[in-house]
């Protein structure tokens, strides 16, 4: 018989997602924490969004936090923000 270890993310007594690694479960739980923190922030904008739309927007922002962070730092949309590798930098300098 095989033993399968599963990590379950539960919020307010509701099972949200099941993972096979603790790292993935922790990352998802952190993303949910970020989304929960964003809900009051979005509500403070007083844009007239209903609760469901606010939650969807918070979840979207939390899911795409790296892209959002880059945009807030002034990066252009769609521009890769990963550091340039040294080999690629040297090749560009030699051109």
Protein backbone atom coordinates (compact mmCIF):
# COMPACT_ATOMS: atom_id res chain seq x y z
CA UNK A 1 0.00 0.00 0.00
CA UNK A 2 1.33 3.42 -0.95
CA UNK A 3 1.42 6.29 1.51
CA UNK A 4 0.59 9.70 0.11
CA UNK A 5 1.36 12.81 2.12
CA UNK A 6 -0.90 15.75 1.42
CA UNK A 7 -0.85 19.29 2.72
CA UNK A 8 -4.24 20.97 2.91
CA UNK A 9 -4.77 24.71 3.12
CA UNK A 10 -7.87 25.43 5.20
CA UNK A 11 -9.33 28.92 5.74
CA UNK A 12 -12.26 29.59 8.05
CA UNK A 13 -13.00 25.88 8.18
CA UNK A 14 -13.13 25.59 4.38
CA UNK A 15 -10.63 23.46 2.47
CA UNK A 16 -9.13 25.74 -0.17
CA UNK A 17 -6.50 23.60 -1.87
CA UNK A 18 -4.51 20.39 -1.45
CA UNK A 19 -0.82 20.09 -2.28
CA UNK A 20 1.78 17.34 -2.31
CA UNK A 21 4.57 19.57 -0.95
CA UNK A 22 4.71 21.74 2.14
CA UNK A 23 6.51 24.47 0.19
CA UNK A 24 3.61 24.80 -2.30
CA UNK A 25 1.04 24.77 0.51
CA UNK A 26 2.92 27.47 2.42
CA UNK A 27 3.23 29.63 -0.72
CA UNK A 28 -0.52 29.33 -1.38
CA UNK A 29 -1.32 30.13 2.25
CA UNK A 30 0.90 33.21 2.07
CA UNK A 31 -0.84 34.30 -1.14
CA UNK A 32 -4.20 33.98 0.65
CA UNK A 33 -2.83 36.09 3.53
CA UNK A 34 -1.82 38.78 1.04
CA UNK A 35 -5.26 38.69 -0.59
CA UNK A 36 -6.91 39.01 2.83
CA UNK A 37 -4.74 42.05 3.57
CA UNK A 38 -5.55 43.64 0.23
CA UNK A 39 -9.34 43.51 0.69
CA UNK A 40 -9.53 46.41 3.20
CA UNK A 41 -6.96 48.33 1.13
CA UNK A 42 -9.15 48.04 -1.99
CA UNK A 43 -12.27 48.88 0.05
CA UNK A 44 -10.61 52.12 1.17
CA UNK A 45 -10.47 53.25 -2.47
CA UNK A 46 -14.27 53.68 -2.31
CA UNK A 47 -14.72 52.68 -5.94
CA UNK A 48 -18.14 51.19 -5.30
CA UNK A 49 -17.00 47.60 -5.91
CA UNK A 50 -19.16 44.85 -4.47
CA UNK A 51 -17.64 42.37 -2.02
CA UNK A 52 -17.21 39.57 -4.60
CA UNK A 53 -15.42 41.86 -7.07
CA UNK A 54 -13.18 43.22 -4.32
CA UNK A 55 -12.23 39.67 -3.32
CA UNK A 56 -11.52 38.69 -6.93
CA UNK A 57 -9.37 41.77 -7.43
CA UNK A 58 -7.46 41.13 -4.18
CA UNK A 59 -6.90 37.50 -5.20
CA UNK A 60 -5.68 38.61 -8.65
CA UNK A 61 -3.26 41.14 -7.15
CA UNK A 62 -1.97 38.56 -4.65
CA UNK A 63 -1.55 35.93 -7.37
CA UNK A 64 0.41 38.39 -9.52
CA UNK A 65 2.26 40.11 -6.65
CA UNK A 66 5.65 40.02 -8.39
CA UNK A 67 4.29 41.75 -11.50
CA UNK A 68 2.37 44.24 -9.37
CA UNK A 69 5.46 44.99 -7.29
CA UNK A 70 7.48 45.68 -10.44
CA UNK A 71 4.78 47.98 -11.78
CA UNK A 72 4.67 49.89 -8.49
CA UNK A 73 8.44 50.33 -8.74
CA UNK A 74 8.01 51.96 -12.15
CA UNK A 75 8.70 49.07 -14.54
CA UNK A 76 6.82 48.99 -17.82
CA UNK A 77 4.11 46.35 -18.21
CA UNK A 78 5.40 43.15 -19.77
CA UNK A 79 9.07 44.00 -19.15
CA UNK A 80 11.02 41.18 -17.56
CA UNK A 81 12.46 42.28 -14.24
CA UNK A 82 14.82 39.33 -13.75
CA UNK A 83 18.46 40.30 -13.37
CA UNK A 84 20.58 39.95 -16.47
CA UNK A 85 22.98 37.01 -16.25
CA UNK A 86 26.68 37.85 -16.18
CA UNK A 87 27.36 35.99 -19.44
CA UNK A 88 24.62 37.93 -21.22
CA UNK A 89 25.95 41.19 -19.75
CA UNK A 90 29.49 40.44 -20.98
CA UNK A 91 28.21 39.56 -24.46
CA UNK A 92 26.28 42.83 -24.60
CA UNK A 93 29.34 44.78 -23.49
CA UNK A 94 31.48 43.18 -26.20
CA UNK A 95 29.07 44.14 -29.00
